[in-house]
Amino acid sequence: SNRVDNDYLKKSFNESISRNHSSSVTHLLWAQEGIDEVDIKSILKMISKNTLDYISTSDQSIEVNVSGDNFSVNSDKATSIALVVNELIQNSIEHGFKDRDHGYIEIIIYKGEIHSTISVEDDGSGFNVKDIKNNSLGLNIVEQIVKDKLEGDFIIDSGKEGTKIVFDFKN
């Protein structure tokens, strides 16, 4: 990535690196802990930092805050959650903050009895949900991960004040 002069190729490399980091963070924590359960809040904080490092430009000031409940999930589930959240943060930076020098992303974790919920909200430019659902391979893959791997639902709400994506997963 550092040796490439083409902006499109550099962006593609950085997106791939960010996705790989989201998977490896889970396995790194799992290896350090020596158990199959990892702390979801730690994972999401690390994912947020890594994604910002690889995707945002040097002239952008983007803040990500992770809040809410803290609990452990197994490493397979954590890897799926990490991939989903990584993609959602990337989308916020690339599309919601495309022509902006600043932005804010809030990730909220809620532990439920049967299903837990993660909300990823940004104050970006928003988009037409009907258009994007049919044309976005990344969002379609994320939605399938939520449904198939996490046994949950995926909801998108977007407007001029930003985008809010909520997904849940079976505990």
C-alpha atoms as a PDB file:
ATOM      1  CA  SER A   1       0.000   0.000   0.000  1.00  0.00           C
ATOM      2  CA  ASN A   2       2.769   2.435   0.893  1.00  0.00           C
ATOM      3  CA  ARG A   3       4.566   1.817  -2.409  1.00  0.00           C
ATOM      4  CA  VAL A   4       1.537   2.393  -4.639  1.00  0.00           C
ATOM      5  CA  ASP A   5       0.999   5.812  -6.226  1.00  0.00           C
ATOM      6  CA  ASN A   6      -2.477   5.072  -7.598  1.00  0.00           C
ATOM      7  CA  ASP A   7      -5.127   6.317  -5.122  1.00  0.00           C
ATOM      8  CA  TYR A   8      -7.677   3.679  -6.175  1.00  0.00           C
ATOM      9  CA  LEU A   9      -5.199   0.829  -5.655  1.00  0.00           C
ATOM     10  CA  LYS A  10      -4.020   2.291  -2.340  1.00  0.00           C
ATOM     11  CA  LYS A  11      -7.649   2.508  -1.157  1.00  0.00           C
ATOM     12  CA  SER A  12      -8.286  -1.109  -2.213  1.00  0.00           C
ATOM     13  CA  PHE A  13      -5.173  -2.333  -0.412  1.00  0.00           C
ATOM     14  CA  ASN A  14      -6.122  -0.444   2.750  1.00  0.00           C
ATOM     15  CA  GLU A  15      -9.678  -1.821   2.701  1.00  0.00           C
ATOM     16  CA  SER A  16      -8.319  -5.370   2.420  1.00  0.00           C
ATOM     17  CA  ILE A  17      -5.827  -4.759   5.212  1.00  0.00           C
ATOM     18  CA  SER A  18      -8.597  -3.382   7.415  1.00  0.00           C
ATOM     19  CA  ARG A  19     -10.807  -6.434   6.784  1.00  0.00           C
ATOM     20  CA  ASN A  20      -7.938  -8.791   7.579  1.00  0.00           C
ATOM     21  CA  HIS A  21      -7.213  -6.906  10.796  1.00  0.00           C
ATOM     22  CA  SER A  22     -10.837  -7.227  11.883  1.00  0.00           C
ATOM     23  CA  SER A  23     -10.551 -11.020  11.734  1.00  0.00           C
ATOM     24  CA  SER A  24      -7.101 -11.200  13.246  1.00  0.00           C
ATOM     25  CA  VAL A  25      -7.966  -8.969  16.227  1.00  0.00           C
ATOM     26  CA  THR A  26     -10.428 -11.579  17.480  1.00  0.00           C
ATOM     27  CA  HIS A  27      -7.915 -14.384  17.147  1.00  0.00           C
ATOM     28  CA  LEU A  28      -5.150 -12.330  18.745  1.00  0.00           C
ATOM     29  CA  LEU A  29      -7.281 -11.655  21.839  1.00  0.00           C
ATOM     30  CA  TRP A  30      -8.406 -15.271  21.898  1.00  0.00           C
ATOM     31  CA  ALA A  31      -4.779 -16.473  21.823  1.00  0.00           C
ATOM     32  CA  GLN A  32      -3.756 -14.024  24.570  1.00  0.00           C
ATOM     33  CA  GLU A  33      -6.631 -15.036  26.820  1.00  0.00           C
ATOM     34  CA  GLY A  34      -6.237 -18.763  26.147  1.00  0.00           C
ATOM     35  CA  ILE A  35     -10.015 -19.259  26.129  1.00  0.00           C
ATOM     36  CA  ASP A  36     -12.640 -19.319  23.385  1.00  0.00           C
ATOM     37  CA  GLU A  37     -14.499 -16.273  24.748  1.00  0.00           C
ATOM     38  CA  VAL A  38     -13.433 -12.691  23.956  1.00  0.00           C
ATOM     39  CA  ASP A  39     -14.584  -9.328  25.253  1.00  0.00           C
ATOM     40  CA  ILE A  40     -16.871  -7.684  22.662  1.00  0.00           C
ATOM     41  CA  LYS A  41     -16.168  -4.092  23.719  1.00  0.00           C
ATOM     42  CA  SER A  42     -12.392  -4.595  23.437  1.00  0.00           C
ATOM     43  CA  ILE A  43     -12.833  -6.134  19.990  1.00  0.00           C
ATOM     44  CA  LEU A  44     -14.953  -3.232  18.744  1.00  0.00           C
ATOM     45  CA  LYS A  45     -12.564  -0.611  20.126  1.00  0.00           C
ATOM     46  CA  MET A  46      -9.632  -2.288  18.377  1.00  0.00           C
ATOM     47  CA  ILE A  47     -11.596  -2.684  15.128  1.00  0.00           C
ATOM     48  CA  SER A  48     -12.579   0.990  15.215  1.00  0.00           C
ATOM     49  CA  LYS A  49      -9.005   2.148  15.675  1.00  0.00           C
ATOM     50  CA  ASN A  50      -7.630  -0.152  12.966  1.00  0.00           C
ATOM     51  CA  THR A  51     -10.312   0.822  10.475  1.00  0.00           C
ATOM     52  CA  LEU A  52      -9.706   4.533  11.064  1.00  0.00           C
ATOM     53  CA  ASP A  53      -5.962   4.013  10.653  1.00  0.00           C
ATOM     54  CA  TYR A  54      -6.334   2.305   7.280  1.00  0.00           C
ATOM     55  CA  ILE A  55      -9.382   3.964   5.724  1.00  0.00           C
ATOM     56  CA  SER A  56      -9.592   7.616   6.796  1.00  0.00           C
ATOM     57  CA  THR A  57      -7.407  10.160   5.074  1.00  0.00           C
ATOM     58  CA  SER A  58      -4.894  12.327   6.893  1.00  0.00           C
ATOM     59  CA  ASP A  59      -7.033  15.427   6.381  1.00  0.00           C
ATOM     60  CA  GLN A  60     -10.099  13.831   7.996  1.00  0.00           C
ATOM     61  CA  SER A  61     -10.892  14.076  11.686  1.00  0.00           C
ATOM     62  CA  ILE A  62     -13.206  11.181  12.442  1.00  0.00           C
ATOM     63  CA  GLU A  63     -14.078  10.136  15.967  1.00  0.00           C
ATOM     64  CA  VAL A  64     -15.446   6.725  16.885  1.00  0.00           C
ATOM     65  CA  ASN A  65     -16.950   6.059  20.296  1.00  0.00           C
ATOM     66  CA  VAL A  66     -17.794   2.572  21.574  1.00  0.00           C
ATOM     67  CA  SER A  67     -20.261   2.477  24.470  1.00  0.00           C
ATOM     68  CA  GLY A  68     -22.790   0.224  26.137  1.00  0.00           C
ATOM     69  CA  ASP A  69     -22.669  -3.182  27.723  1.00  0.00           C
ATOM     70  CA  ASN A  70     -19.549  -5.281  28.019  1.00  0.00           C
ATOM     71  CA  PHE A  71     -19.677  -9.074  27.768  1.00  0.00           C
ATOM     72  CA  SER A  72     -17.886 -12.027  26.220  1.00  0.00           C
ATOM     73  CA  VAL A  73     -18.779 -13.911  23.059  1.00  0.00           C
ATOM     74  CA  ASN A  74     -17.146 -16.934  21.463  1.00  0.00           C
ATOM     75  CA  SER A  75     -14.396 -16.278  18.930  1.00  0.00           C
ATOM     76  CA  ASP A  76     -16.448 -17.380  15.893  1.00  0.00           C
ATOM     77  CA  LYS A  77     -19.227 -14.951  16.761  1.00  0.00           C
ATOM     78  CA  ALA A  78     -16.706 -12.226  17.585  1.00  0.00           C
ATOM     79  CA  THR A  79     -15.045 -12.658  14.176  1.00  0.00           C
ATOM     80  CA  SER A  80     -18.395 -12.265  12.394  1.00  0.00           C
ATOM     81  CA  ILE A  81     -19.273  -9.199  14.495  1.00  0.00           C
ATOM     82  CA  ALA A  82     -15.830  -7.719  13.780  1.00  0.00           C
ATOM     83  CA  LEU A  83     -16.272  -8.160  10.010  1.00  0.00           C
ATOM     84  CA  VAL A  84     -19.732  -6.554  10.115  1.00  0.00           C
ATOM     85  CA  VAL A  85     -18.669  -3.555  12.216  1.00  0.00           C
ATOM     86  CA  ASN A  86     -15.499  -3.067  10.146  1.00  0.00           C
ATOM     87  CA  GLU A  87     -17.560  -2.902   6.947  1.00  0.00           C
ATOM     88  CA  LEU A  88     -20.057  -0.472   8.500  1.00  0.00           C
ATOM     89  CA  ILE A  89     -17.287   1.862   9.703  1.00  0.00           C
ATOM     90  CA  GLN A  90     -15.628   1.687   6.263  1.00  0.00           C
ATOM     91  CA  ASN A  91     -18.934   2.592   4.610  1.00  0.00           C
ATOM     92  CA  SER A  92     -19.414   5.566   6.943  1.00  0.00           C
ATOM     93  CA  ILE A  93     -15.936   6.888   6.181  1.00  0.00           C
ATOM     94  CA  GLU A  94     -16.037   6.251   2.428  1.00  0.00           C
ATOM     95  CA  HIS A  95     -19.595   7.309   1.692  1.00  0.00           C
ATOM     96  CA  GLY A  96     -21.029   9.250   4.628  1.00  0.00           C
ATOM     97  CA  PHE A  97     -17.928  11.400   5.120  1.00  0.00           C
ATOM     98  CA  LYS A  98     -16.755  11.349   1.491  1.00  0.00           C
ATOM     99  CA  ASP A  99     -16.461  15.106   1.017  1.00  0.00           C
ATOM    100  CA  ARG A 100     -16.124  16.062   4.680  1.00  0.00           C
ATOM    101  CA  ASP A 101     -13.129  16.714   6.881  1.00  0.00           C
ATOM    102  CA  HIS A 102     -14.812  15.518  10.079  1.00  0.00           C
ATOM    103  CA  GLY A 103     -17.340  12.976  11.273  1.00  0.00           C
ATOM    104  CA  TYR A 104     -18.609  11.051  14.266  1.00  0.00           C
ATOM    105  CA  ILE A 105     -19.476   7.361  14.582  1.00  0.00           C
ATOM    106  CA  GLU A 106     -21.136   5.897  17.673  1.00  0.00           C
ATOM    107  CA  ILE A 107     -21.144   2.142  18.280  1.00  0.00           C
ATOM    108  CA  ILE A 108     -23.574   1.077  21.009  1.00  0.00           C
ATOM    109  CA  ILE A 109     -23.637  -2.434  22.470  1.00  0.00           C
ATOM    110  CA  TYR A 110     -26.690  -3.782  24.301  1.00  0.00           C
ATOM    111  CA  LYS A 111     -26.718  -7.205  25.991  1.00  0.00           C
ATOM    112  CA  GLY A 112     -30.118  -8.853  25.918  1.00  0.00           C
ATOM    113  CA  GLU A 113     -31.377 -12.092  27.394  1.00  0.00           C
ATOM    114  CA  ILE A 114     -31.715 -14.006  24.109  1.00  0.00           C
ATOM    115  CA  HIS A 115     -30.392 -11.562  21.503  1.00  0.00           C
ATOM    116  CA  SER A 116     -27.861  -8.765  21.913  1.00  0.00           C
ATOM    117  CA  THR A 117     -27.765  -5.684  19.699  1.00  0.00           C
ATOM    118  CA  ILE A 118     -25.087  -3.505  18.159  1.00  0.00           C
ATOM    119  CA  SER A 119     -25.915  -0.125  16.666  1.00  0.00           C
ATOM    120  CA  VAL A 120     -23.522   1.748  14.374  1.00  0.00           C
ATOM    121  CA  GLU A 121     -24.587   5.384  13.888  1.00  0.00           C
ATOM    122  CA  ASP A 122     -22.848   8.149  11.959  1.00  0.00           C
ATOM    123  CA  ASP A 123     -23.542  11.832  11.339  1.00  0.00           C
ATOM    124  CA  GLY A 124     -22.681  11.530   7.648  1.00  0.00           C
ATOM    125  CA  SER A 125     -24.592  12.543   4.540  1.00  0.00           C
ATOM    126  CA  GLY A 126     -26.954   9.538   4.483  1.00  0.00           C
ATOM    127  CA  PHE A 127     -28.298   7.693   1.444  1.00  0.00           C
ATOM    128  CA  ASN A 128     -31.448   6.242  -0.106  1.00  0.00           C
ATOM    129  CA  VAL A 129     -31.838   2.837   1.564  1.00  0.00           C
ATOM    130  CA  LYS A 130     -33.793   1.351  -1.382  1.00  0.00           C
ATOM    131  CA  ASP A 131     -31.026   2.222  -3.846  1.00  0.00           C
ATOM    132  CA  ILE A 132     -28.155   0.981  -1.726  1.00  0.00           C
ATOM    133  CA  LYS A 133     -29.720  -2.355  -0.719  1.00  0.00           C
ATOM    134  CA  ASN A 134     -29.942  -3.390  -4.365  1.00  0.00           C
ATOM    135  CA  ASN A 135     -26.530  -2.088  -5.430  1.00  0.00           C
ATOM    136  CA  SER A 136     -24.163  -2.655  -2.514  1.00  0.00           C
ATOM    137  CA  LEU A 137     -22.336  -5.957  -2.485  1.00  0.00           C
ATOM    138  CA  GLY A 138     -20.660  -5.085   0.840  1.00  0.00           C
ATOM    139  CA  LEU A 139     -23.940  -4.362   2.651  1.00  0.00           C
ATOM    140  CA  ASN A 140     -25.553  -7.463   1.152  1.00  0.00           C
ATOM    141  CA  ILE A 141     -22.680  -9.629   2.392  1.00  0.00           C
ATOM    142  CA  VAL A 142     -22.867  -7.996   5.837  1.00  0.00           C
ATOM    143  CA  GLU A 143     -26.614  -8.650   5.991  1.00  0.00           C
ATOM    144  CA  GLN A 144     -26.025 -12.321   5.095  1.00  0.00           C
ATOM    145  CA  ILE A 145     -23.356 -12.665   7.803  1.00  0.00           C
ATOM    146  CA  VAL A 146     -25.818 -11.257  10.352  1.00  0.00           C
ATOM    147  CA  LYS A 147     -28.604 -13.605   9.227  1.00  0.00           C
ATOM    148  CA  ASP A 148     -26.581 -16.780   8.624  1.00  0.00           C
ATOM    149  CA  LYS A 149     -23.680 -16.637  11.102  1.00  0.00           C
ATOM    150  CA  LEU A 150     -25.173 -14.510  13.886  1.00  0.00           C
ATOM    151  CA  GLU A 151     -28.818 -15.637  13.554  1.00  0.00           C
ATOM    152  CA  GLY A 152     -29.966 -12.033  13.760  1.00  0.00           C
ATOM    153  CA  ASP A 153     -31.683  -9.210  11.929  1.00  0.00           C
ATOM    154  CA  PHE A 154     -30.238  -6.191  10.143  1.00  0.00           C
ATOM    155  CA  ILE A 155     -32.001  -2.797   9.955  1.00  0.00           C
ATOM    156  CA  ILE A 156     -30.870   0.340   8.090  1.00  0.00           C
ATOM    157  CA  ASP A 157     -32.220   3.850   8.665  1.00  0.00           C
ATOM    158  CA  SER A 158     -30.629   6.696   6.759  1.00  0.00           C
ATOM    159  CA  GLY A 159     -31.373  10.342   6.105  1.00  0.00           C
ATOM    160  CA  LYS A 160     -29.771  13.761   5.825  1.00  0.00           C
ATOM    161  CA  GLU A 161     -28.603  13.657   9.472  1.00  0.00           C
ATOM    162  CA  GLY A 162     -26.745  10.384   9.023  1.00  0.00           C
ATOM    163  CA  THR A 163     -27.127   6.640   8.990  1.00  0.00           C
ATOM    164  CA  LYS A 164     -28.040   4.190  11.736  1.00  0.00           C
ATOM    165  CA  ILE A 165     -27.562   0.469  11.221  1.00  0.00           C
ATOM    166  CA  VAL A 166     -28.695  -1.924  13.918  1.00  0.00           C
ATOM    167  CA  PHE A 167     -28.089  -5.649  13.961  1.00  0.00           C
ATOM    168  CA  ASP A 168     -28.711  -8.235  16.595  1.00  0.00           C
ATOM    169  CA  PHE A 169     -27.255 -11.637  17.246  1.00  0.00           C
ATOM    170  CA  LYS A 170     -28.193 -14.677  19.253  1.00  0.00           C
ATOM    171  CA  ASN A 171     -26.331 -14.969  22.583  1.00  0.00           C
END
